[in-house]
Amino acid sequence: MKVAYVFSTSGHTASYKLGQMILPQLEDGSHGVEVVGMFFFDDNTYLLRAGDPQGERLAEVAREQGMLLMLCDQCAIARGLAEGEPRAATPVGTVEGVKVGCFPDLYGALAGNPPDHVITL
């Protein structure tokens, strides 16, 4: 089974649920499903700043497993993690391999390897 995660809840959803629960399982191969992508909103985008220990670990897992990491373009621009305009922004100061975009960009990026389920946290 393939899943994609959307981290939309304000607060420290990504740093806690992803960093303390999901990421360790992805690293040790016990998560139980193939994660094809993760999409980050609001302050959850900060997890993917260059140098963030959890973000760097996640970037390594994403690279090894072929997982998409994408930031909401407007959220990333507002937080200094992307430059440009919505739907035409590029990441800045993020871990390696991060993309920025809006839902149409997410759909396009996952089209070649679509998830069976999308889980919003």
PDB file of N, CA and C in Angstrom:
ATOM      1  N   MET A   1       0.831  -1.167   0.000  1.00  0.00           N
ATOM      2  CA  MET A   1       0.000   0.000   0.000  1.00  0.00           C
ATOM      3  C   MET A   1       0.886   1.244   0.000  1.00  0.00           C
ATOM      4  N   LYS A   2       0.481   2.265  -0.742  1.00  0.00           N
ATOM      5  CA  LYS A   2       1.217   3.522  -0.820  1.00  0.00           C
ATOM      6  C   LYS A   2       0.389   4.637  -0.180  1.00  0.00           C
ATOM      7  N   VAL A   3       1.061   5.481   0.612  1.00  0.00           N
ATOM      8  CA  VAL A   3       0.390   6.600   1.261  1.00  0.00           C
ATOM      9  C   VAL A   3       1.159   7.891   1.010  1.00  0.00           C
ATOM     10  N   ALA A   4       0.435   8.996   1.137  1.00  0.00           N
ATOM     11  CA  ALA A   4       1.034  10.326   1.167  1.00  0.00           C
ATOM     12  C   ALA A   4       0.522  11.004   2.427  1.00  0.00           C
ATOM     13  N   TYR A   5       1.390  11.767   3.060  1.00  0.00           N
ATOM     14  CA  TYR A   5       1.023  12.511   4.263  1.00  0.00           C
ATOM     15  C   TYR A   5       0.908  13.990   3.936  1.00  0.00           C
ATOM     16  N   VAL A   6      -0.104  14.630   4.507  1.00  0.00           N
ATOM     17  CA  VAL A   6      -0.262  16.078   4.445  1.00  0.00           C
ATOM     18  C   VAL A   6      -0.204  16.584   5.877  1.00  0.00           C
ATOM     19  N   PHE A   7       0.788  17.410   6.167  1.00  0.00           N
ATOM     20  CA  PHE A   7       0.957  17.960   7.511  1.00  0.00           C
ATOM     21  C   PHE A   7       0.343  19.352   7.527  1.00  0.00           C
ATOM     22  N   SER A   8      -0.909  19.444   7.993  1.00  0.00           N
ATOM     23  CA  SER A   8      -1.631  20.707   7.930  1.00  0.00           C
ATOM     24  C   SER A   8      -1.987  21.290   9.287  1.00  0.00           C
ATOM     25  N   THR A   9      -1.956  20.501  10.337  1.00  0.00           N
ATOM     26  CA  THR A   9      -2.336  20.979  11.651  1.00  0.00           C
ATOM     27  C   THR A   9      -1.286  21.947  12.177  1.00  0.00           C
ATOM     28  N   SER A  10      -1.743  23.066  12.705  1.00  0.00           N
ATOM     29  CA  SER A  10      -0.812  24.059  13.262  1.00  0.00           C
ATOM     30  C   SER A  10      -0.107  23.495  14.481  1.00  0.00           C
ATOM     31  N   GLY A  11       0.962  24.148  14.825  1.00  0.00           N
ATOM     32  CA  GLY A  11       1.735  23.702  15.972  1.00  0.00           C
ATOM     33  C   GLY A  11       2.924  22.882  15.531  1.00  0.00           C
ATOM     34  N   HIS A  12       3.239  21.887  16.303  1.00  0.00           N
ATOM     35  CA  HIS A  12       4.429  21.079  16.043  1.00  0.00           C
ATOM     36  C   HIS A  12       4.067  19.686  15.541  1.00  0.00           C
ATOM     37  N   THR A  13       3.062  19.602  14.701  1.00  0.00           N
ATOM     38  CA  THR A  13       2.631  18.310  14.186  1.00  0.00           C
ATOM     39  C   THR A  13       3.768  17.577  13.507  1.00  0.00           C
ATOM     40  N   ALA A  14       4.441  18.245  12.606  1.00  0.00           N
ATOM     41  CA  ALA A  14       5.500  17.573  11.853  1.00  0.00           C
ATOM     42  C   ALA A  14       6.655  17.181  12.760  1.00  0.00           C
ATOM     43  N   SER A  15       7.076  18.084  13.629  1.00  0.00           N
ATOM     44  CA  SER A  15       8.242  17.767  14.449  1.00  0.00           C
ATOM     45  C   SER A  15       7.944  16.653  15.448  1.00  0.00           C
ATOM     46  N   TYR A  16       6.723  16.564  15.931  1.00  0.00           N
ATOM     47  CA  TYR A  16       6.417  15.506  16.898  1.00  0.00           C
ATOM     48  C   TYR A  16       5.943  14.221  16.219  1.00  0.00           C
ATOM     49  N   LYS A  17       4.822  14.278  15.508  1.00  0.00           N
ATOM     50  CA  LYS A  17       4.275  13.049  14.920  1.00  0.00           C
ATOM     51  C   LYS A  17       5.200  12.466  13.850  1.00  0.00           C
ATOM     52  N   LEU A  18       5.729  13.328  13.027  1.00  0.00           N
ATOM     53  CA  LEU A  18       6.653  12.840  12.007  1.00  0.00           C
ATOM     54  C   LEU A  18       8.010  12.506  12.628  1.00  0.00           C
ATOM     55  N   GLY A  19       8.554  13.440  13.382  1.00  0.00           N
ATOM     56  CA  GLY A  19       9.901  13.271  13.913  1.00  0.00           C
ATOM     57  C   GLY A  19      10.047  12.180  14.953  1.00  0.00           C
ATOM     58  N   GLN A  20       9.014  12.000  15.792  1.00  0.00           N
ATOM     59  CA  GLN A  20       9.115  11.031  16.879  1.00  0.00           C
ATOM     60  C   GLN A  20       8.446   9.694  16.575  1.00  0.00           C
ATOM     61  N   MET A  21       7.530   9.679  15.610  1.00  0.00           N
ATOM     62  CA  MET A  21       6.793   8.438  15.331  1.00  0.00           C
ATOM     63  C   MET A  21       7.098   7.879  13.940  1.00  0.00           C
ATOM     64  N   ILE A  22       6.791   8.663  12.917  1.00  0.00           N
ATOM     65  CA  ILE A  22       6.875   8.162  11.543  1.00  0.00           C
ATOM     66  C   ILE A  22       8.316   8.024  11.067  1.00  0.00           C
ATOM     67  N   LEU A  23       9.131   9.049  11.247  1.00  0.00           N
ATOM     68  CA  LEU A  23      10.506   9.033  10.738  1.00  0.00           C
ATOM     69  C   LEU A  23      11.332   7.871  11.285  1.00  0.00           C
ATOM     70  N   PRO A  24      11.298   7.594  12.592  1.00  0.00           N
ATOM     71  CA  PRO A  24      12.070   6.431  13.065  1.00  0.00           C
ATOM     72  C   PRO A  24      11.625   5.120  12.410  1.00  0.00           C
ATOM     73  N   GLN A  25      10.332   4.985  12.146  1.00  0.00           N
ATOM     74  CA  GLN A  25       9.827   3.775  11.487  1.00  0.00           C
ATOM     75  C   GLN A  25      10.296   3.715  10.039  1.00  0.00           C
ATOM     76  N   LEU A  26      10.316   4.857   9.359  1.00  0.00           N
ATOM     77  CA  LEU A  26      10.824   4.879   7.983  1.00  0.00           C
ATOM     78  C   LEU A  26      12.304   4.517   7.951  1.00  0.00           C
ATOM     79  N   GLU A  27      13.046   5.010   8.922  1.00  0.00           N
ATOM     80  CA  GLU A  27      14.480   4.742   8.963  1.00  0.00           C
ATOM     81  C   GLU A  27      14.792   3.274   9.226  1.00  0.00           C
ATOM     82  N   ASP A  28      13.983   2.630  10.086  1.00  0.00           N
ATOM     83  CA  ASP A  28      14.292   1.226  10.394  1.00  0.00           C
ATOM     84  C   ASP A  28      13.467   0.223   9.584  1.00  0.00           C
ATOM     85  N   GLY A  29      12.666   0.730   8.636  1.00  0.00           N
ATOM     86  CA  GLY A  29      11.912  -0.151   7.745  1.00  0.00           C
ATOM     87  C   GLY A  29      10.687  -0.799   8.356  1.00  0.00           C
ATOM     88  N   SER A  30      10.170  -0.241   9.453  1.00  0.00           N
ATOM     89  CA  SER A  30       9.016  -0.860  10.112  1.00  0.00           C
ATOM     90  C   SER A  30       7.710  -0.089   9.939  1.00  0.00           C
ATOM     91  N   HIS A  31       7.671   0.902   9.057  1.00  0.00           N
ATOM     92  CA  HIS A  31       6.467   1.736   8.919  1.00  0.00           C
ATOM     93  C   HIS A  31       5.282   0.966   8.345  1.00  0.00           C
ATOM     94  N   GLY A  32       5.527  -0.017   7.549  1.00  0.00           N
ATOM     95  CA  GLY A  32       4.461  -0.905   7.085  1.00  0.00           C
ATOM     96  C   GLY A  32       3.818  -0.533   5.769  1.00  0.00           C
ATOM     97  N   VAL A  33       4.097   0.657   5.248  1.00  0.00           N
ATOM     98  CA  VAL A  33       3.580   1.074   3.943  1.00  0.00           C
ATOM     99  C   VAL A  33       4.680   1.833   3.217  1.00  0.00           C
ATOM    100  N   GLU A  34       4.503   2.016   1.925  1.00  0.00           N
ATOM    101  CA  GLU A  34       5.421   2.844   1.146  1.00  0.00           C
ATOM    102  C   GLU A  34       4.901   4.276   1.183  1.00  0.00           C
ATOM    103  N   VAL A  35       5.716   5.196   1.656  1.00  0.00           N
ATOM    104  CA  VAL A  35       5.335   6.608   1.678  1.00  0.00           C
ATOM    105  C   VAL A  35       5.874   7.236   0.397  1.00  0.00           C
ATOM    106  N   VAL A  36       4.955   7.717  -0.454  1.00  0.00           N
ATOM    107  CA  VAL A  36       5.362   8.274  -1.740  1.00  0.00           C
ATOM    108  C   VAL A  36       5.542   9.783  -1.701  1.00  0.00           C
ATOM    109  N   GLY A  37       4.974  10.430  -0.679  1.00  0.00           N
ATOM    110  CA  GLY A  37       5.134  11.870  -0.602  1.00  0.00           C
ATOM    111  C   GLY A  37       4.656  12.447   0.697  1.00  0.00           C
ATOM    112  N   MET A  38       5.166  13.654   0.983  1.00  0.00           N
ATOM    113  CA  MET A  38       4.750  14.423   2.148  1.00  0.00           C
ATOM    114  C   MET A  38       4.623  15.876   1.718  1.00  0.00           C
ATOM    115  N   PHE A  39       3.525  16.505   2.161  1.00  0.00           N
ATOM    116  CA  PHE A  39       3.213  17.894   1.815  1.00  0.00           C
ATOM    117  C   PHE A  39       3.049  18.660   3.120  1.00  0.00           C
ATOM    118  N   PHE A  40       3.752  19.796   3.267  1.00  0.00           N
ATOM    119  CA  PHE A  40       3.816  20.531   4.523  1.00  0.00           C
ATOM    120  C   PHE A  40       3.191  21.916   4.406  1.00  0.00           C
ATOM    121  N   PHE A  41       2.331  22.257   5.370  1.00  0.00           N
ATOM    122  CA  PHE A  41       1.690  23.571   5.452  1.00  0.00           C
ATOM    123  C   PHE A  41       2.164  24.324   6.682  1.00  0.00           C
ATOM    124  N   ASP A  42       1.942  25.636   6.666  1.00  0.00           N
ATOM    125  CA  ASP A  42       2.118  26.520   7.813  1.00  0.00           C
ATOM    126  C   ASP A  42       3.492  26.332   8.452  1.00  0.00           C
ATOM    127  N   ASP A  43       3.564  26.365   9.790  1.00  0.00           N
ATOM    128  CA  ASP A  43       4.855  26.262  10.466  1.00  0.00           C
ATOM    129  C   ASP A  43       5.490  24.886  10.343  1.00  0.00           C
ATOM    130  N   ASN A  44       4.734  23.900   9.892  1.00  0.00           N
ATOM    131  CA  ASN A  44       5.319  22.577   9.654  1.00  0.00           C
ATOM    132  C   ASN A  44       6.419  22.642   8.592  1.00  0.00           C
ATOM    133  N   THR A  45       6.389  23.678   7.758  1.00  0.00           N
ATOM    134  CA  THR A  45       7.423  23.832   6.732  1.00  0.00           C
ATOM    135  C   THR A  45       8.810  24.008   7.343  1.00  0.00           C
ATOM    136  N   TYR A  46       8.881  24.568   8.552  1.00  0.00           N
ATOM    137  CA  TYR A  46      10.176  24.799   9.194  1.00  0.00           C
ATOM    138  C   TYR A  46      10.969  23.517   9.409  1.00  0.00           C
ATOM    139  N   LEU A  47      10.294  22.392   9.476  1.00  0.00           N
ATOM    140  CA  LEU A  47      10.992  21.123   9.677  1.00  0.00           C
ATOM    141  C   LEU A  47      12.002  20.863   8.557  1.00  0.00           C
ATOM    142  N   LEU A  48      11.745  21.413   7.376  1.00  0.00           N
ATOM    143  CA  LEU A  48      12.607  21.135   6.232  1.00  0.00           C
ATOM    144  C   LEU A  48      13.648  22.229   5.979  1.00  0.00           C
ATOM    145  N   ARG A  49      13.931  23.043   6.996  1.00  0.00           N
ATOM    146  CA  ARG A  49      15.024  24.021   6.882  1.00  0.00           C
ATOM    147  C   ARG A  49      16.361  23.285   6.845  1.00  0.00           C
ATOM    148  N   ALA A  50      17.265  23.787   6.053  1.00  0.00           N
ATOM    149  CA  ALA A  50      18.617  23.227   6.019  1.00  0.00           C
ATOM    150  C   ALA A  50      19.197  23.258   7.423  1.00  0.00           C
ATOM    151  N   GLY A  51      19.788  22.161   7.835  1.00  0.00           N
ATOM    152  CA  GLY A  51      20.410  22.070   9.138  1.00  0.00           C
ATOM    153  C   GLY A  51      19.501  21.554  10.239  1.00  0.00           C
ATOM    154  N   ASP A  52      18.195  21.501  10.019  1.00  0.00           N
ATOM    155  CA  ASP A  52      17.294  20.944  11.028  1.00  0.00           C
ATOM    156  C   ASP A  52      17.577  19.445  11.120  1.00  0.00           C
ATOM    157  N   PRO A  53      17.890  18.936  12.311  1.00  0.00           N
ATOM    158  CA  PRO A  53      18.269  17.519  12.414  1.00  0.00           C
ATOM    159  C   PRO A  53      17.200  16.557  11.893  1.00  0.00           C
ATOM    160  N   GLN A  54      15.944  16.787  12.231  1.00  0.00           N
ATOM    161  CA  GLN A  54      14.893  15.894  11.735  1.00  0.00           C
ATOM    162  C   GLN A  54      14.702  16.058  10.237  1.00  0.00           C
ATOM    163  N   GLY A  55      14.761  17.295   9.766  1.00  0.00           N
ATOM    164  CA  GLY A  55      14.631  17.546   8.337  1.00  0.00           C
ATOM    165  C   GLY A  55      15.735  16.895   7.525  1.00  0.00           C
ATOM    166  N   GLU A  56      16.951  16.954   8.041  1.00  0.00           N
ATOM    167  CA  GLU A  56      18.077  16.323   7.339  1.00  0.00           C
ATOM    168  C   GLU A  56      17.903  14.808   7.304  1.00  0.00           C
ATOM    169  N   ARG A  57      17.440  14.233   8.409  1.00  0.00           N
ATOM    170  CA  ARG A  57      17.175  12.780   8.433  1.00  0.00           C
ATOM    171  C   ARG A  57      16.080  12.428   7.436  1.00  0.00           C
ATOM    172  N   LEU A  58      15.017  13.241   7.411  1.00  0.00           N
ATOM    173  CA  LEU A  58      13.910  12.984   6.490  1.00  0.00           C
ATOM    174  C   LEU A  58      14.376  13.111   5.038  1.00  0.00           C
ATOM    175  N   ALA A  59      15.198  14.094   4.754  1.00  0.00           N
ATOM    176  CA  ALA A  59      15.714  14.263   3.386  1.00  0.00           C
ATOM    177  C   ALA A  59      16.514  13.043   2.954  1.00  0.00           C
ATOM    178  N   GLU A  60      17.285  12.480   3.866  1.00  0.00           N
ATOM    179  CA  GLU A  60      18.060  11.284   3.544  1.00  0.00           C
ATOM    180  C   GLU A  60      17.136  10.100   3.249  1.00  0.00           C
ATOM    181  N   VAL A  61      16.116   9.911   4.082  1.00  0.00           N
ATOM    182  CA  VAL A  61      15.144   8.830   3.859  1.00  0.00           C
ATOM    183  C   VAL A  61      14.420   9.048   2.532  1.00  0.00           C
ATOM    184  N   ALA A  62      14.022  10.287   2.271  1.00  0.00           N
ATOM    185  CA  ALA A  62      13.306  10.594   1.022  1.00  0.00           C
ATOM    186  C   ALA A  62      14.171  10.277  -0.190  1.00  0.00           C
ATOM    187  N   ARG A  63      15.430  10.642  -0.111  1.00  0.00           N
ATOM    188  CA  ARG A  63      16.366  10.373  -1.211  1.00  0.00           C
ATOM    189  C   ARG A  63      16.514   8.862  -1.424  1.00  0.00           C
ATOM    190  N   GLU A  64      16.681   8.119  -0.339  1.00  0.00           N
ATOM    191  CA  GLU A  64      16.867   6.671  -0.431  1.00  0.00           C
ATOM    192  C   GLU A  64      15.612   5.958  -0.927  1.00  0.00           C
ATOM    193  N   GLN A  65      14.435   6.447  -0.528  1.00  0.00           N
ATOM    194  CA  GLN A  65      13.188   5.749  -0.831  1.00  0.00           C
ATOM    195  C   GLN A  65      12.409   6.372  -1.986  1.00  0.00           C
ATOM    196  N   GLY A  66      12.928   7.434  -2.590  1.00  0.00           N
ATOM    197  CA  GLY A  66      12.249   8.066  -3.710  1.00  0.00           C
ATOM    198  C   GLY A  66      10.966   8.787  -3.320  1.00  0.00           C
ATOM    199  N   MET A  67      10.955   9.391  -2.160  1.00  0.00           N
ATOM    200  CA  MET A  67       9.776  10.052  -1.616  1.00  0.00           C
ATOM    201  C   MET A  67       9.791  11.543  -1.956  1.00  0.00           C
ATOM    202  N   LEU A  68       8.649  12.067  -2.344  1.00  0.00           N
ATOM    203  CA  LEU A  68       8.478  13.493  -2.604  1.00  0.00           C
ATOM    204  C   LEU A  68       8.349  14.253  -1.287  1.00  0.00           C
ATOM    205  N   LEU A  69       9.094  15.339  -1.146  1.00  0.00           N
ATOM    206  CA  LEU A  69       8.923  16.277  -0.041  1.00  0.00           C
ATOM    207  C   LEU A  69       8.562  17.621  -0.658  1.00  0.00           C
ATOM    208  N   MET A  70       7.383  18.142  -0.325  1.00  0.00           N
ATOM    209  CA  MET A  70       6.919  19.396  -0.919  1.00  0.00           C
ATOM    210  C   MET A  70       6.361  20.320   0.151  1.00  0.00           C
ATOM    211  N   LEU A  71       6.716  21.597   0.025  1.00  0.00           N
ATOM    212  CA  LEU A  71       6.189  22.635   0.892  1.00  0.00           C
ATOM    213  C   LEU A  71       5.108  23.406   0.155  1.00  0.00           C
ATOM    214  N   CYS A  72       4.076  23.794   0.864  1.00  0.00           N
ATOM    215  CA  CYS A  72       3.086  24.718   0.305  1.00  0.00           C
ATOM    216  C   CYS A  72       3.843  25.975  -0.124  1.00  0.00           C
ATOM    217  N   ASP A  73       3.684  26.376  -1.367  1.00  0.00           N
ATOM    218  CA  ASP A  73       4.467  27.502  -1.872  1.00  0.00           C
ATOM    219  C   ASP A  73       4.198  28.796  -1.111  1.00  0.00           C
ATOM    220  N   GLN A  74       2.944  29.112  -0.842  1.00  0.00           N
ATOM    221  CA  GLN A  74       2.638  30.352  -0.133  1.00  0.00           C
ATOM    222  C   GLN A  74       3.140  30.317   1.309  1.00  0.00           C
ATOM    223  N   CYS A  75       3.041  29.154   1.955  1.00  0.00           N
ATOM    224  CA  CYS A  75       3.552  29.005   3.326  1.00  0.00           C
ATOM    225  C   CYS A  75       5.066  29.159   3.342  1.00  0.00           C
ATOM    226  N   ALA A  76       5.742  28.565   2.378  1.00  0.00           N
ATOM    227  CA  ALA A  76       7.203  28.619   2.316  1.00  0.00           C
ATOM    228  C   ALA A  76       7.683  30.031   1.991  1.00  0.00           C
ATOM    229  N   ILE A  77       7.017  30.723   1.084  1.00  0.00           N
ATOM    230  CA  ILE A  77       7.398  32.101   0.744  1.00  0.00           C
ATOM    231  C   ILE A  77       7.258  32.981   1.983  1.00  0.00           C
ATOM    232  N   ALA A  78       6.150  32.844   2.701  1.00  0.00           N
ATOM    233  CA  ALA A  78       5.894  33.665   3.892  1.00  0.00           C
ATOM    234  C   ALA A  78       6.924  33.422   4.989  1.00  0.00           C
ATOM    235  N   ARG A  79       7.552  32.245   5.003  1.00  0.00           N
ATOM    236  CA  ARG A  79       8.511  31.891   6.048  1.00  0.00           C
ATOM    237  C   ARG A  79       9.962  31.947   5.584  1.00  0.00           C
ATOM    238  N   GLY A  80      10.181  32.498   4.392  1.00  0.00           N
ATOM    239  CA  GLY A  80      11.543  32.641   3.890  1.00  0.00           C
ATOM    240  C   GLY A  80      12.171  31.349   3.419  1.00  0.00           C
ATOM    241  N   LEU A  81      11.352  30.334   3.132  1.00  0.00           N
ATOM    242  CA  LEU A  81      11.867  29.044   2.667  1.00  0.00           C
ATOM    243  C   LEU A  81      11.694  28.862   1.165  1.00  0.00           C
ATOM    244  N   ALA A  82      11.196  29.902   0.499  1.00  0.00           N
ATOM    245  CA  ALA A  82      11.057  29.882  -0.962  1.00  0.00           C
ATOM    246  C   ALA A  82      11.074  31.317  -1.459  1.00  0.00           C
ATOM    247  N   GLU A  83      11.468  31.455  -2.708  1.00  0.00           N
ATOM    248  CA  GLU A  83      11.473  32.759  -3.372  1.00  0.00           C
ATOM    249  C   GLU A  83      10.618  32.675  -4.616  1.00  0.00           C
ATOM    250  N   GLY A  84      10.047  33.800  -4.999  1.00  0.00           N
ATOM    251  CA  GLY A  84       9.250  33.856  -6.212  1.00  0.00           C
ATOM    252  C   GLY A  84       7.788  34.071  -5.880  1.00  0.00           C
ATOM    253  N   GLU A  85       6.972  33.656  -6.797  1.00  0.00           N
ATOM    254  CA  GLU A  85       5.526  33.818  -6.679  1.00  0.00           C
ATOM    255  C   GLU A  85       4.874  32.454  -6.522  1.00  0.00           C
ATOM    256  N   PRO A  86       3.683  32.428  -5.943  1.00  0.00           N
ATOM    257  CA  PRO A  86       2.958  31.155  -5.881  1.00  0.00           C
ATOM    258  C   PRO A  86       2.855  30.519  -7.270  1.00  0.00           C
ATOM    259  N   ARG A  87       2.995  29.224  -7.302  1.00  0.00           N
ATOM    260  CA  ARG A  87       2.990  28.392  -8.510  1.00  0.00           C
ATOM    261  C   ARG A  87       4.241  28.564  -9.360  1.00  0.00           C
ATOM    262  N   ALA A  88       5.179  29.407  -8.898  1.00  0.00           N
ATOM    263  CA  ALA A  88       6.434  29.598  -9.632  1.00  0.00           C
ATOM    264  C   ALA A  88       7.568  29.896  -8.655  1.00  0.00           C
ATOM    265  N   ALA A  89       7.533  29.279  -7.487  1.00  0.00           N
ATOM    266  CA  ALA A  89       8.531  29.543  -6.454  1.00  0.00           C
ATOM    267  C   ALA A  89       9.601  28.444  -6.450  1.00  0.00           C
ATOM    268  N   THR A  90      10.744  28.798  -5.913  1.00  0.00           N
ATOM    269  CA  THR A  90      11.828  27.834  -5.757  1.00  0.00           C
ATOM    270  C   THR A  90      12.258  27.802  -4.291  1.00  0.00           C
ATOM    271  N   PRO A  91      12.641  26.629  -3.792  1.00  0.00           N
ATOM    272  CA  PRO A  91      13.033  26.531  -2.389  1.00  0.00           C
ATOM    273  C   PRO A  91      14.342  27.268  -2.111  1.00  0.00           C
ATOM    274  N   VAL A  92      14.452  27.792  -0.888  1.00  0.00           N
ATOM    275  CA  VAL A  92      15.641  28.502  -0.438  1.00  0.00           C
ATOM    276  C   VAL A  92      15.899  28.094   1.007  1.00  0.00           C
ATOM    277  N   GLY A  93      17.108  27.682   1.304  1.00  0.00           N
ATOM    278  CA  GLY A  93      17.466  27.360   2.680  1.00  0.00           C
ATOM    279  C   GLY A  93      16.797  26.116   3.227  1.00  0.00           C
ATOM    280  N   THR A  94      16.479  25.193   2.344  1.00  0.00           N
ATOM    281  CA  THR A  94      15.830  23.954   2.758  1.00  0.00           C
ATOM    282  C   THR A  94      16.801  22.780   2.629  1.00  0.00           C
ATOM    283  N   VAL A  95      16.392  21.655   3.192  1.00  0.00           N
ATOM    284  CA  VAL A  95      17.171  20.436   3.004  1.00  0.00           C
ATOM    285  C   VAL A  95      17.159  20.070   1.523  1.00  0.00           C
ATOM    286  N   GLU A  96      18.071  19.236   1.133  1.00  0.00           N
ATOM    287  CA  GLU A  96      18.204  18.836  -0.273  1.00  0.00           C
ATOM    288  C   GLU A  96      16.967  18.086  -0.761  1.00  0.00           C
ATOM    289  N   GLY A  97      16.547  18.404  -1.979  1.00  0.00           N
ATOM    290  CA  GLY A  97      15.482  17.659  -2.630  1.00  0.00           C
ATOM    291  C   GLY A  97      14.075  18.173  -2.421  1.00  0.00           C
ATOM    292  N   VAL A  98      13.909  19.222  -1.627  1.00  0.00           N
ATOM    293  CA  VAL A  98      12.563  19.752  -1.358  1.00  0.00           C
ATOM    294  C   VAL A  98      12.033  20.499  -2.574  1.00  0.00           C
ATOM    295  N   LYS A  99      10.738  20.350  -2.811  1.00  0.00           N
ATOM    296  CA  LYS A  99      10.050  21.093  -3.855  1.00  0.00           C
ATOM    297  C   LYS A  99       9.024  21.993  -3.182  1.00  0.00           C
ATOM    298  N   VAL A 100       8.589  23.030  -3.880  1.00  0.00           N
ATOM    299  CA  VAL A 100       7.517  23.878  -3.387  1.00  0.00           C
ATOM    300  C   VAL A 100       6.427  23.938  -4.454  1.00  0.00           C
ATOM    301  N   GLY A 101       5.187  24.041  -4.002  1.00  0.00           N
ATOM    302  CA  GLY A 101       4.095  24.119  -4.954  1.00  0.00           C
ATOM    303  C   GLY A 101       2.750  24.174  -4.267  1.00  0.00           C
ATOM    304  N   CYS A 102       1.735  24.126  -5.086  1.00  0.00           N
ATOM    305  CA  CYS A 102       0.356  24.144  -4.631  1.00  0.00           C
ATOM    306  C   CYS A 102      -0.260  22.778  -4.950  1.00  0.00           C
ATOM    307  N   PHE A 103      -1.516  22.583  -4.599  1.00  0.00           N
ATOM    308  CA  PHE A 103      -2.120  21.276  -4.821  1.00  0.00           C
ATOM    309  C   PHE A 103      -1.993  20.770  -6.261  1.00  0.00           C
ATOM    310  N   PRO A 104      -2.208  21.594  -7.286  1.00  0.00           N
ATOM    311  CA  PRO A 104      -2.021  21.064  -8.643  1.00  0.00           C
ATOM    312  C   PRO A 104      -0.605  20.544  -8.885  1.00  0.00           C
ATOM    313  N   ASP A 105       0.392  21.190  -8.273  1.00  0.00           N
ATOM    314  CA  ASP A 105       1.776  20.732  -8.401  1.00  0.00           C
ATOM    315  C   ASP A 105       1.973  19.408  -7.680  1.00  0.00           C
ATOM    316  N   LEU A 106       1.341  19.285  -6.512  1.00  0.00           N
ATOM    317  CA  LEU A 106       1.412  18.029  -5.763  1.00  0.00           C
ATOM    318  C   LEU A 106       0.798  16.893  -6.571  1.00  0.00           C
ATOM    319  N   TYR A 107      -0.373  17.140  -7.143  1.00  0.00           N
ATOM    320  CA  TYR A 107      -1.037  16.099  -7.943  1.00  0.00           C
ATOM    321  C   TYR A 107      -0.144  15.674  -9.099  1.00  0.00           C
ATOM    322  N   GLY A 108       0.446  16.640  -9.775  1.00  0.00           N
ATOM    323  CA  GLY A 108       1.325  16.329 -10.894  1.00  0.00           C
ATOM    324  C   GLY A 108       2.558  15.554 -10.458  1.00  0.00           C
ATOM    325  N   ALA A 109       3.135  15.947  -9.324  1.00  0.00           N
ATOM    326  CA  ALA A 109       4.349  15.288  -8.839  1.00  0.00           C
ATOM    327  C   ALA A 109       4.078  13.847  -8.421  1.00  0.00           C
ATOM    328  N   LEU A 110       2.869  13.571  -7.924  1.00  0.00           N
ATOM    329  CA  LEU A 110       2.534  12.217  -7.486  1.00  0.00           C
ATOM    330  C   LEU A 110       1.872  11.371  -8.578  1.00  0.00           C
ATOM    331  N   ALA A 111       1.590  11.970  -9.719  1.00  0.00           N
ATOM    332  CA  ALA A 111       0.851  11.259 -10.777  1.00  0.00           C
ATOM    333  C   ALA A 111       1.565   9.989 -11.240  1.00  0.00           C
ATOM    334  N   GLY A 112       2.869  10.010 -11.290  1.00  0.00           N
ATOM    335  CA  GLY A 112       3.613   8.832 -11.740  1.00  0.00           C
ATOM    336  C   GLY A 112       3.717   7.725 -10.705  1.00  0.00           C
ATOM    337  N   ASN A 113       3.420   8.043  -9.458  1.00  0.00           N
ATOM    338  CA  ASN A 113       3.484   7.067  -8.367  1.00  0.00           C
ATOM    339  C   ASN A 113       2.402   7.438  -7.344  1.00  0.00           C
ATOM    340  N   PRO A 114       1.146   7.322  -7.727  1.00  0.00           N
ATOM    341  CA  PRO A 114       0.061   7.821  -6.882  1.00  0.00           C
ATOM    342  C   PRO A 114      -0.141   7.002  -5.602  1.00  0.00           C
ATOM    343  N   PRO A 115      -0.510   7.695  -4.528  1.00  0.00           N
ATOM    344  CA  PRO A 115      -0.789   6.986  -3.280  1.00  0.00           C
ATOM    345  C   PRO A 115      -2.157   6.297  -3.335  1.00  0.00           C
ATOM    346  N   ASP A 116      -2.313   5.246  -2.551  1.00  0.00           N
ATOM    347  CA  ASP A 116      -3.611   4.630  -2.378  1.00  0.00           C
ATOM    348  C   ASP A 116      -4.443   5.408  -1.370  1.00  0.00           C
ATOM    349  N   HIS A 117      -3.764   6.043  -0.428  1.00  0.00           N
ATOM    350  CA  HIS A 117      -4.431   6.818   0.629  1.00  0.00           C
ATOM    351  C   HIS A 117      -3.640   8.079   0.912  1.00  0.00           C
ATOM    352  N   VAL A 118      -4.369   9.146   1.271  1.00  0.00           N
ATOM    353  CA  VAL A 118      -3.750  10.381   1.723  1.00  0.00           C
ATOM    354  C   VAL A 118      -4.160  10.576   3.178  1.00  0.00           C
ATOM    355  N   ILE A 119      -3.167  10.773   4.036  1.00  0.00           N
ATOM    356  CA  ILE A 119      -3.401  10.914   5.468  1.00  0.00           C
ATOM    357  C   ILE A 119      -3.045  12.341   5.866  1.00  0.00           C
ATOM    358  N   THR A 120      -3.992  13.033   6.466  1.00  0.00           N
ATOM    359  CA  THR A 120      -3.763  14.401   6.904  1.00  0.00           C
ATOM    360  C   THR A 120      -3.548  14.423   8.413  1.00  0.00           C
ATOM    361  N   LEU A 121      -2.431  15.007   8.827  1.00  0.00           N
ATOM    362  CA  LEU A 121      -2.090  15.139  10.234  1.00  0.00           C
ATOM    363  C   LEU A 121      -1.967  16.612  10.590  1.00  0.00           C
TER     364      LEU A 121
END
